Amino acid sequence: LHDEAQAGATAEPPEPQAVLLRGLGGAPGSASGAARVLTALTDAASLNDGDVLVTHMTSPDWLPLMRRAAAIVTDSGGMTCHAAIVSRELGIPCVVGTGEATRKLRDGEIVTVDATRGVVLEGARASEPQASPGLQAGGAGAPAGAGAVTATQILVNLSEPSQVERVK
C-alpha cells in the first residue's frame, strides 16, 4: 500500500499538447474527437456523431451537422458569426476565425478543441470535470438550483427549442 502511494506521487505530469491552430473561442468548453474537414454540405455523410466539424463557415443549413459534432472549428467568422452563436446555444465548444483550419487539419486526425482558450491541440486530452456552459444560478457554496437574489430580470432568447430544458 505504501509503495502504491509513492508510485502515484512520482508520476510525471502529462506532456503538453502541440497547438495546431489559434482562433477566437466562439463557445467555451473542450472536446476531443476525429477532425472531419467538410467543404460543402454534400460531404455531410462523412461526419459521425462526436467528430470535430471543421469547415470554412456554417449557415442555418448546417444545423443538423452541428448538433452531431463534439466541437466546431471554422476558418472564418467572429464572435457573432453563425457557428459561434449556434454553438453557444447548443453548448458545443467552438473555435472560429482560425484562417486555415480546413487546410491545416487532416481528415480523421484526432484533435482537442479548447475553445475556452481559442486553440486546437494535437491528440485527445483526458476529460476534465467542467461546469456546464449554460447559465448557473447561485455562487460557490450555494445549494443546487438556488438562485442569487438580485433586482435583475433574466430573459432568454431561445431559437433552439431542443435546448429549453438545459436553459430552464
N, C-alpha and C. Protein backbone atom coordinates (compact mmCIF):
# COMPACT_ATOMS: atom_id res chain seq x y z
N LEU A 1 0.83 -1.19 0.00
CA LEU A 1 0.00 0.00 0.00
C LEU A 1 0.88 1.25 0.00
N HIS A 2 1.93 1.24 0.82
CA HIS A 2 2.84 2.38 0.87
C HIS A 2 3.53 2.59 -0.48
N ASP A 3 3.92 1.49 -1.15
CA ASP A 3 4.58 1.59 -2.45
C ASP A 3 3.66 2.21 -3.50
N GLU A 4 2.35 1.86 -3.46
CA GLU A 4 1.41 2.41 -4.43
C GLU A 4 1.30 3.92 -4.25
N ALA A 5 1.26 4.40 -3.01
CA ALA A 5 1.17 5.83 -2.77
C ALA A 5 2.41 6.54 -3.29
N GLN A 6 3.59 5.91 -3.08
CA GLN A 6 4.82 6.51 -3.58
C GLN A 6 4.84 6.53 -5.09
N ALA A 7 4.34 5.47 -5.73
CA ALA A 7 4.34 5.41 -7.19
C ALA A 7 3.47 6.52 -7.76
N GLY A 8 2.32 6.77 -7.13
CA GLY A 8 1.44 7.84 -7.58
C GLY A 8 2.07 9.20 -7.40
N ALA A 9 2.84 9.37 -6.34
CA ALA A 9 3.45 10.67 -6.05
C ALA A 9 4.57 10.99 -7.03
N THR A 10 5.20 9.97 -7.61
CA THR A 10 6.32 10.21 -8.52
C THR A 10 5.88 10.24 -9.98
N ALA A 11 4.60 10.03 -10.24
CA ALA A 11 4.13 10.05 -11.63
C ALA A 11 4.35 11.45 -12.21
N GLU A 12 4.84 11.48 -13.46
CA GLU A 12 5.12 12.75 -14.10
C GLU A 12 3.85 13.34 -14.69
N PRO A 13 3.74 14.67 -14.73
CA PRO A 13 2.56 15.27 -15.34
C PRO A 13 2.52 14.97 -16.84
N PRO A 14 1.33 14.96 -17.44
CA PRO A 14 1.25 14.67 -18.87
C PRO A 14 1.98 15.73 -19.68
N GLU A 15 2.51 15.31 -20.82
CA GLU A 15 3.21 16.23 -21.72
C GLU A 15 2.21 17.22 -22.30
N PRO A 16 2.63 18.49 -22.46
CA PRO A 16 1.72 19.45 -23.08
C PRO A 16 1.47 19.09 -24.54
N GLN A 17 0.27 19.38 -25.02
CA GLN A 17 -0.07 19.08 -26.40
C GLN A 17 0.35 20.23 -27.30
N ALA A 18 0.73 19.89 -28.53
CA ALA A 18 1.13 20.90 -29.50
C ALA A 18 -0.10 21.68 -29.97
N VAL A 19 0.03 22.99 -30.07
CA VAL A 19 -1.04 23.84 -30.58
C VAL A 19 -0.99 23.79 -32.10
N LEU A 20 -2.08 23.33 -32.71
CA LEU A 20 -2.17 23.24 -34.16
C LEU A 20 -2.73 24.52 -34.78
N LEU A 21 -3.70 25.13 -34.09
CA LEU A 21 -4.38 26.33 -34.60
C LEU A 21 -4.76 27.25 -33.46
N ARG A 22 -4.86 28.52 -33.78
CA ARG A 22 -5.37 29.51 -32.84
C ARG A 22 -6.50 30.27 -33.52
N GLY A 23 -7.49 30.65 -32.73
CA GLY A 23 -8.60 31.43 -33.25
C GLY A 23 -9.32 32.09 -32.10
N LEU A 24 -10.58 32.41 -32.30
CA LEU A 24 -11.41 33.00 -31.25
C LEU A 24 -12.27 31.92 -30.63
N GLY A 25 -12.34 31.90 -29.32
CA GLY A 25 -13.22 30.96 -28.64
C GLY A 25 -14.66 31.43 -28.79
N GLY A 26 -15.38 30.87 -29.76
CA GLY A 26 -16.75 31.29 -30.05
C GLY A 26 -17.75 30.76 -29.05
N ALA A 27 -17.48 29.59 -28.48
CA ALA A 27 -18.34 28.98 -27.46
C ALA A 27 -17.41 28.19 -26.56
N PRO A 28 -17.44 28.43 -25.24
CA PRO A 28 -16.46 27.83 -24.34
C PRO A 28 -16.64 26.33 -24.16
N GLY A 29 -15.58 25.70 -23.70
CA GLY A 29 -15.60 24.27 -23.43
C GLY A 29 -14.45 23.58 -24.14
N SER A 30 -14.37 22.28 -23.93
CA SER A 30 -13.29 21.50 -24.51
C SER A 30 -13.84 20.13 -24.91
N ALA A 31 -13.41 19.64 -26.07
CA ALA A 31 -13.83 18.32 -26.54
C ALA A 31 -12.78 17.77 -27.48
N SER A 32 -12.66 16.45 -27.49
CA SER A 32 -11.72 15.78 -28.38
C SER A 32 -12.50 14.89 -29.35
N GLY A 33 -11.91 14.68 -30.51
CA GLY A 33 -12.53 13.79 -31.49
C GLY A 33 -11.75 13.81 -32.79
N ALA A 34 -12.24 13.03 -33.75
CA ALA A 34 -11.62 12.99 -35.07
C ALA A 34 -12.07 14.22 -35.86
N ALA A 35 -11.11 14.92 -36.46
CA ALA A 35 -11.44 16.07 -37.28
C ALA A 35 -12.08 15.59 -38.58
N ARG A 36 -13.20 16.20 -38.95
CA ARG A 36 -13.86 15.91 -40.22
C ARG A 36 -13.92 17.21 -41.00
N VAL A 37 -13.08 17.30 -42.02
CA VAL A 37 -12.99 18.51 -42.83
C VAL A 37 -14.05 18.44 -43.91
N LEU A 38 -15.05 19.33 -43.79
CA LEU A 38 -16.15 19.36 -44.75
C LEU A 38 -16.10 20.68 -45.50
N THR A 39 -16.04 20.61 -46.82
CA THR A 39 -16.00 21.82 -47.62
C THR A 39 -17.39 22.20 -48.13
N ALA A 40 -18.34 21.25 -48.05
CA ALA A 40 -19.70 21.52 -48.51
C ALA A 40 -20.67 20.59 -47.79
N LEU A 41 -21.94 20.94 -47.78
CA LEU A 41 -22.95 20.09 -47.15
C LEU A 41 -23.05 18.72 -47.81
N THR A 42 -22.62 18.61 -49.05
CA THR A 42 -22.65 17.32 -49.74
C THR A 42 -21.70 16.31 -49.08
N ASP A 43 -20.78 16.79 -48.25
CA ASP A 43 -19.85 15.91 -47.53
C ASP A 43 -20.42 15.43 -46.19
N ALA A 44 -21.65 15.78 -45.88
CA ALA A 44 -22.25 15.55 -44.56
C ALA A 44 -22.20 14.09 -44.11
N ALA A 45 -22.29 13.15 -45.01
CA ALA A 45 -22.31 11.72 -44.64
C ALA A 45 -21.02 11.29 -43.96
N SER A 46 -19.93 12.01 -44.15
CA SER A 46 -18.66 11.61 -43.54
C SER A 46 -18.55 12.03 -42.07
N LEU A 47 -19.45 12.90 -41.59
CA LEU A 47 -19.41 13.35 -40.19
C LEU A 47 -20.15 12.36 -39.31
N ASN A 48 -19.43 11.76 -38.36
CA ASN A 48 -20.03 10.84 -37.39
C ASN A 48 -20.34 11.59 -36.11
N ASP A 49 -21.28 11.08 -35.32
CA ASP A 49 -21.57 11.68 -34.02
C ASP A 49 -20.27 11.72 -33.20
N GLY A 50 -19.98 12.87 -32.60
CA GLY A 50 -18.79 13.00 -31.77
C GLY A 50 -17.54 13.44 -32.51
N ASP A 51 -17.62 13.63 -33.83
CA ASP A 51 -16.48 14.15 -34.58
C ASP A 51 -16.36 15.65 -34.37
N VAL A 52 -15.20 16.19 -34.71
CA VAL A 52 -14.98 17.64 -34.68
C VAL A 52 -15.25 18.16 -36.09
N LEU A 53 -16.28 18.97 -36.23
CA LEU A 53 -16.65 19.55 -37.52
C LEU A 53 -15.68 20.67 -37.85
N VAL A 54 -14.98 20.55 -38.98
CA VAL A 54 -14.02 21.55 -39.44
C VAL A 54 -14.50 22.03 -40.81
N THR A 55 -14.77 23.33 -40.93
CA THR A 55 -15.28 23.88 -42.18
C THR A 55 -14.89 25.34 -42.32
N HIS A 56 -15.13 25.88 -43.51
CA HIS A 56 -14.81 27.29 -43.73
C HIS A 56 -15.74 28.18 -42.92
N MET A 57 -17.04 27.91 -42.99
CA MET A 57 -18.04 28.65 -42.22
C MET A 57 -19.33 27.84 -42.22
N THR A 58 -20.25 28.18 -41.32
CA THR A 58 -21.53 27.48 -41.28
C THR A 58 -22.66 28.46 -41.62
N SER A 59 -23.82 27.88 -41.93
CA SER A 59 -25.04 28.65 -42.18
C SER A 59 -26.18 27.83 -41.59
N PRO A 60 -27.40 28.36 -41.57
CA PRO A 60 -28.50 27.61 -40.97
C PRO A 60 -28.68 26.19 -41.52
N ASP A 61 -28.33 25.95 -42.77
CA ASP A 61 -28.44 24.61 -43.34
C ASP A 61 -27.53 23.60 -42.65
N TRP A 62 -26.52 24.07 -41.94
CA TRP A 62 -25.55 23.19 -41.28
C TRP A 62 -26.00 22.75 -39.89
N LEU A 63 -27.12 23.26 -39.38
CA LEU A 63 -27.56 22.98 -38.01
C LEU A 63 -27.64 21.49 -37.69
N PRO A 64 -28.21 20.64 -38.53
CA PRO A 64 -28.24 19.20 -38.18
C PRO A 64 -26.84 18.61 -37.99
N LEU A 65 -25.87 19.06 -38.77
CA LEU A 65 -24.49 18.57 -38.60
C LEU A 65 -23.87 19.11 -37.32
N MET A 66 -24.13 20.36 -37.03
CA MET A 66 -23.56 20.98 -35.84
C MET A 66 -24.03 20.27 -34.58
N ARG A 67 -25.27 19.83 -34.57
CA ARG A 67 -25.81 19.12 -33.40
C ARG A 67 -25.07 17.80 -33.15
N ARG A 68 -24.53 17.19 -34.19
CA ARG A 68 -23.86 15.88 -34.06
C ARG A 68 -22.39 16.02 -33.67
N ALA A 69 -21.84 17.20 -33.81
CA ALA A 69 -20.41 17.41 -33.59
C ALA A 69 -20.07 17.55 -32.11
N ALA A 70 -18.89 17.05 -31.74
CA ALA A 70 -18.37 17.24 -30.38
C ALA A 70 -17.84 18.66 -30.22
N ALA A 71 -17.35 19.24 -31.31
CA ALA A 71 -16.82 20.60 -31.33
C ALA A 71 -16.82 21.08 -32.77
N ILE A 72 -16.66 22.40 -32.94
CA ILE A 72 -16.68 23.00 -34.27
C ILE A 72 -15.48 23.94 -34.39
N VAL A 73 -14.83 23.89 -35.57
CA VAL A 73 -13.70 24.77 -35.87
C VAL A 73 -13.92 25.33 -37.26
N THR A 74 -13.82 26.66 -37.40
CA THR A 74 -14.01 27.28 -38.71
C THR A 74 -12.81 28.12 -39.11
N ASP A 75 -12.67 28.30 -40.43
CA ASP A 75 -11.63 29.18 -40.97
C ASP A 75 -11.95 30.64 -40.71
N SER A 76 -13.23 31.00 -40.92
CA SER A 76 -13.62 32.41 -40.83
C SER A 76 -14.61 32.61 -39.70
N GLY A 77 -15.01 33.87 -39.52
CA GLY A 77 -16.03 34.19 -38.53
C GLY A 77 -15.46 34.85 -37.29
N GLY A 78 -16.39 35.39 -36.51
CA GLY A 78 -16.06 36.06 -35.27
C GLY A 78 -17.07 35.69 -34.20
N MET A 79 -17.09 36.45 -33.14
CA MET A 79 -17.96 36.13 -32.01
C MET A 79 -19.45 36.20 -32.33
N THR A 80 -19.82 36.88 -33.41
CA THR A 80 -21.23 36.98 -33.77
C THR A 80 -21.57 36.20 -35.04
N CYS A 81 -20.68 35.33 -35.49
CA CYS A 81 -20.97 34.53 -36.68
C CYS A 81 -21.93 33.39 -36.34
N HIS A 82 -22.49 32.78 -37.35
CA HIS A 82 -23.45 31.70 -37.17
C HIS A 82 -22.89 30.58 -36.31
N ALA A 83 -21.69 30.11 -36.62
CA ALA A 83 -21.10 28.98 -35.88
C ALA A 83 -20.98 29.30 -34.40
N ALA A 84 -20.53 30.50 -34.06
CA ALA A 84 -20.33 30.88 -32.65
C ALA A 84 -21.67 30.98 -31.92
N ILE A 85 -22.64 31.63 -32.53
CA ILE A 85 -23.93 31.83 -31.87
C ILE A 85 -24.63 30.49 -31.63
N VAL A 86 -24.70 29.66 -32.66
CA VAL A 86 -25.39 28.36 -32.53
C VAL A 86 -24.63 27.45 -31.57
N SER A 87 -23.32 27.45 -31.61
CA SER A 87 -22.53 26.62 -30.71
C SER A 87 -22.76 27.01 -29.26
N ARG A 88 -22.81 28.31 -28.98
CA ARG A 88 -23.08 28.75 -27.62
C ARG A 88 -24.46 28.27 -27.16
N GLU A 89 -25.44 28.36 -28.05
CA GLU A 89 -26.78 27.93 -27.69
C GLU A 89 -26.86 26.42 -27.46
N LEU A 90 -26.13 25.65 -28.24
CA LEU A 90 -26.14 24.19 -28.12
C LEU A 90 -25.16 23.68 -27.06
N GLY A 91 -24.27 24.54 -26.57
CA GLY A 91 -23.28 24.11 -25.59
C GLY A 91 -22.15 23.29 -26.19
N ILE A 92 -21.82 23.57 -27.45
CA ILE A 92 -20.76 22.85 -28.16
C ILE A 92 -19.53 23.75 -28.24
N PRO A 93 -18.36 23.27 -27.80
CA PRO A 93 -17.15 24.08 -27.92
C PRO A 93 -16.90 24.47 -29.38
N CYS A 94 -16.50 25.72 -29.60
CA CYS A 94 -16.32 26.22 -30.97
C CYS A 94 -15.18 27.22 -31.02
N VAL A 95 -14.29 27.03 -31.99
CA VAL A 95 -13.22 27.98 -32.27
C VAL A 95 -13.45 28.49 -33.69
N VAL A 96 -13.57 29.81 -33.84
CA VAL A 96 -13.81 30.41 -35.15
C VAL A 96 -12.64 31.30 -35.54
N GLY A 97 -12.59 31.64 -36.83
CA GLY A 97 -11.59 32.59 -37.31
C GLY A 97 -10.16 32.10 -37.28
N THR A 98 -9.94 30.79 -37.48
CA THR A 98 -8.57 30.27 -37.46
C THR A 98 -7.80 30.64 -38.72
N GLY A 99 -8.50 30.89 -39.80
CA GLY A 99 -7.85 31.26 -41.05
C GLY A 99 -7.37 30.10 -41.89
N GLU A 100 -7.13 28.94 -41.26
CA GLU A 100 -6.53 27.84 -42.03
C GLU A 100 -6.93 26.44 -41.55
N ALA A 101 -7.99 26.32 -40.81
CA ALA A 101 -8.37 25.00 -40.27
C ALA A 101 -8.59 23.96 -41.35
N THR A 102 -9.28 24.33 -42.43
CA THR A 102 -9.58 23.35 -43.47
C THR A 102 -8.34 22.95 -44.27
N ARG A 103 -7.32 23.77 -44.24
CA ARG A 103 -6.06 23.44 -44.93
C ARG A 103 -5.08 22.71 -44.01
N LYS A 104 -5.08 23.08 -42.74
CA LYS A 104 -4.06 22.56 -41.82
C LYS A 104 -4.45 21.23 -41.16
N LEU A 105 -5.73 21.06 -40.80
CA LEU A 105 -6.14 19.82 -40.14
C LEU A 105 -6.40 18.73 -41.17
N ARG A 106 -5.96 17.52 -40.85
CA ARG A 106 -6.16 16.38 -41.75
C ARG A 106 -7.43 15.65 -41.36
N ASP A 107 -8.19 15.23 -42.34
CA ASP A 107 -9.43 14.50 -42.10
C ASP A 107 -9.11 13.22 -41.31
N GLY A 108 -9.78 13.03 -40.19
CA GLY A 108 -9.57 11.85 -39.35
C GLY A 108 -8.55 12.05 -38.25
N GLU A 109 -7.79 13.14 -38.28
CA GLU A 109 -6.78 13.44 -37.26
C GLU A 109 -7.48 13.69 -35.92
N ILE A 110 -6.96 13.09 -34.85
CA ILE A 110 -7.53 13.28 -33.51
C ILE A 110 -7.02 14.60 -32.94
N VAL A 111 -7.97 15.46 -32.55
CA VAL A 111 -7.63 16.77 -32.02
C VAL A 111 -8.46 17.05 -30.77
N THR A 112 -8.01 18.03 -30.00
CA THR A 112 -8.75 18.55 -28.87
C THR A 112 -9.03 20.02 -29.14
N VAL A 113 -10.29 20.40 -29.07
CA VAL A 113 -10.68 21.79 -29.23
C VAL A 113 -10.84 22.37 -27.83
N ASP A 114 -9.97 23.29 -27.47
CA ASP A 114 -10.05 24.00 -26.20
C ASP A 114 -10.56 25.40 -26.53
N ALA A 115 -11.88 25.50 -26.66
CA ALA A 115 -12.49 26.75 -27.11
C ALA A 115 -12.43 27.84 -26.04
N THR A 116 -12.26 27.47 -24.79
CA THR A 116 -12.12 28.46 -23.73
C THR A 116 -10.85 29.29 -23.97
N ARG A 117 -9.81 28.63 -24.47
CA ARG A 117 -8.53 29.30 -24.78
C ARG A 117 -8.41 29.68 -26.25
N GLY A 118 -9.35 29.21 -27.10
CA GLY A 118 -9.30 29.53 -28.52
C GLY A 118 -8.22 28.79 -29.28
N VAL A 119 -7.95 27.53 -28.89
CA VAL A 119 -6.90 26.75 -29.56
C VAL A 119 -7.41 25.36 -29.93
N VAL A 120 -6.76 24.80 -30.95
CA VAL A 120 -6.96 23.41 -31.34
C VAL A 120 -5.63 22.71 -31.08
N LEU A 121 -5.69 21.65 -30.28
CA LEU A 121 -4.49 20.93 -29.86
C LEU A 121 -4.39 19.58 -30.54
N GLU A 122 -3.17 19.11 -30.67
CA GLU A 122 -2.91 17.79 -31.26
C GLU A 122 -3.33 16.70 -30.28
N GLY A 123 -4.00 15.66 -30.78
CA GLY A 123 -4.35 14.50 -29.97
C GLY A 123 -5.54 14.73 -29.06
N ALA A 124 -5.88 13.67 -28.31
CA ALA A 124 -7.01 13.73 -27.38
C ALA A 124 -6.51 14.07 -25.99
N ARG A 125 -7.30 14.80 -25.25
CA ARG A 125 -6.97 15.14 -23.87
C ARG A 125 -7.95 14.42 -22.97
N ALA A 126 -7.46 13.97 -21.83
CA ALA A 126 -8.34 13.31 -20.86
C ALA A 126 -9.44 14.27 -20.45
N SER A 127 -10.61 13.75 -20.24
CA SER A 127 -11.75 14.57 -19.84
C SER A 127 -11.49 15.21 -18.50
N GLU A 128 -11.93 16.45 -18.37
CA GLU A 128 -11.83 17.17 -17.12
C GLU A 128 -13.24 17.54 -16.70
N PRO A 129 -13.55 17.44 -15.42
CA PRO A 129 -14.88 17.88 -15.00
C PRO A 129 -15.00 19.38 -15.23
N GLN A 130 -16.08 19.78 -15.92
CA GLN A 130 -16.28 21.18 -16.21
C GLN A 130 -17.69 21.57 -15.83
N ALA A 131 -17.84 22.83 -15.48
CA ALA A 131 -19.18 23.34 -15.23
C ALA A 131 -19.90 23.45 -16.56
N SER A 132 -21.18 23.30 -16.54
CA SER A 132 -21.99 23.45 -17.74
C SER A 132 -21.80 24.84 -18.30
N PRO A 133 -21.71 24.98 -19.64
CA PRO A 133 -21.53 26.30 -20.20
C PRO A 133 -22.79 27.16 -20.11
N GLY A 134 -23.91 26.56 -19.71
CA GLY A 134 -25.16 27.30 -19.61
C GLY A 134 -25.18 28.21 -18.39
N LEU A 135 -26.28 28.90 -18.22
CA LEU A 135 -26.44 29.79 -17.07
C LEU A 135 -26.43 29.00 -15.79
N GLN A 136 -25.78 29.52 -14.76
CA GLN A 136 -25.77 28.85 -13.47
C GLN A 136 -26.20 29.84 -12.40
N ALA A 137 -27.15 29.43 -11.58
CA ALA A 137 -27.63 30.29 -10.51
C ALA A 137 -26.79 30.10 -9.26
N GLY A 138 -26.79 31.09 -8.42
CA GLY A 138 -26.08 30.97 -7.15
C GLY A 138 -24.59 31.12 -7.34
N GLY A 139 -23.88 31.00 -6.28
CA GLY A 139 -22.43 31.13 -6.33
C GLY A 139 -21.80 29.95 -5.65
N ALA A 140 -20.54 30.07 -5.29
CA ALA A 140 -19.83 28.99 -4.61
C ALA A 140 -20.53 28.69 -3.30
N GLY A 141 -20.79 27.44 -3.05
CA GLY A 141 -21.41 27.02 -1.82
C GLY A 141 -22.93 27.14 -1.82
N ALA A 142 -23.51 27.65 -2.90
CA ALA A 142 -24.97 27.77 -2.97
C ALA A 142 -25.57 26.41 -3.26
N PRO A 143 -26.70 26.08 -2.67
CA PRO A 143 -27.34 24.80 -2.96
C PRO A 143 -27.72 24.71 -4.42
N ALA A 144 -27.72 23.50 -4.96
CA ALA A 144 -28.08 23.29 -6.36
C ALA A 144 -29.47 23.86 -6.61
N GLY A 145 -29.60 24.62 -7.68
CA GLY A 145 -30.88 25.20 -8.04
C GLY A 145 -31.21 26.48 -7.32
N ALA A 146 -30.38 26.90 -6.36
CA ALA A 146 -30.65 28.14 -5.63
C ALA A 146 -30.21 29.30 -6.48
N GLY A 147 -31.07 30.28 -6.65
CA GLY A 147 -30.73 31.45 -7.44
C GLY A 147 -30.26 32.59 -6.56
N ALA A 148 -29.40 33.40 -7.11
CA ALA A 148 -28.95 34.59 -6.40
C ALA A 148 -30.09 35.59 -6.39
N VAL A 149 -30.23 36.33 -5.33
CA VAL A 149 -31.28 37.33 -5.23
C VAL A 149 -30.73 38.64 -5.78
N THR A 150 -31.34 39.09 -6.88
CA THR A 150 -30.94 40.36 -7.49
C THR A 150 -32.19 41.08 -7.96
N ALA A 151 -32.02 42.31 -8.38
CA ALA A 151 -33.12 43.08 -8.95
C ALA A 151 -33.12 42.97 -10.46
N THR A 152 -32.26 42.10 -11.00
CA THR A 152 -32.14 41.96 -12.44
C THR A 152 -33.03 40.84 -12.95
N GLN A 153 -33.85 41.16 -13.94
CA GLN A 153 -34.70 40.15 -14.55
C GLN A 153 -33.90 39.52 -15.69
N ILE A 154 -33.85 38.19 -15.71
CA ILE A 154 -33.10 37.50 -16.74
C ILE A 154 -34.08 36.96 -17.78
N LEU A 155 -33.84 37.33 -19.03
CA LEU A 155 -34.66 36.88 -20.15
C LEU A 155 -33.82 36.00 -21.05
N VAL A 156 -34.47 35.12 -21.79
CA VAL A 156 -33.76 34.22 -22.68
C VAL A 156 -34.36 34.32 -24.07
N ASN A 157 -33.50 34.48 -25.06
CA ASN A 157 -33.92 34.44 -26.45
C ASN A 157 -33.55 33.05 -26.95
N LEU A 158 -34.53 32.16 -27.03
CA LEU A 158 -34.27 30.77 -27.34
C LEU A 158 -34.79 30.44 -28.73
N SER A 159 -33.88 30.23 -29.67
CA SER A 159 -34.30 29.89 -31.03
C SER A 159 -34.19 28.39 -31.29
N GLU A 160 -33.66 27.65 -30.34
CA GLU A 160 -33.48 26.21 -30.49
C GLU A 160 -34.32 25.50 -29.43
N PRO A 161 -35.57 25.12 -29.77
CA PRO A 161 -36.48 24.52 -28.78
C PRO A 161 -35.93 23.29 -28.07
N SER A 162 -35.03 22.55 -28.70
CA SER A 162 -34.49 21.35 -28.05
C SER A 162 -33.65 21.68 -26.82
N GLN A 163 -33.30 22.95 -26.63
CA GLN A 163 -32.44 23.35 -25.52
C GLN A 163 -33.21 23.95 -24.35
N VAL A 164 -34.55 23.92 -24.40
CA VAL A 164 -35.33 24.57 -23.36
C VAL A 164 -35.07 24.00 -21.97
N GLU A 165 -34.92 22.68 -21.84
CA GLU A 165 -34.66 22.08 -20.52
C GLU A 165 -33.32 22.50 -19.96
N ARG A 166 -32.29 22.55 -20.78
CA ARG A 166 -30.97 22.98 -20.34
C ARG A 166 -30.99 24.43 -19.87
N VAL A 167 -31.67 25.29 -20.60
CA VAL A 167 -31.73 26.70 -20.26
C VAL A 167 -32.60 26.92 -19.02
N LYS A 168 -33.68 26.15 -18.91
CA LYS A 168 -34.59 26.29 -17.77
C LYS A 168 -33.85 26.02 -16.48
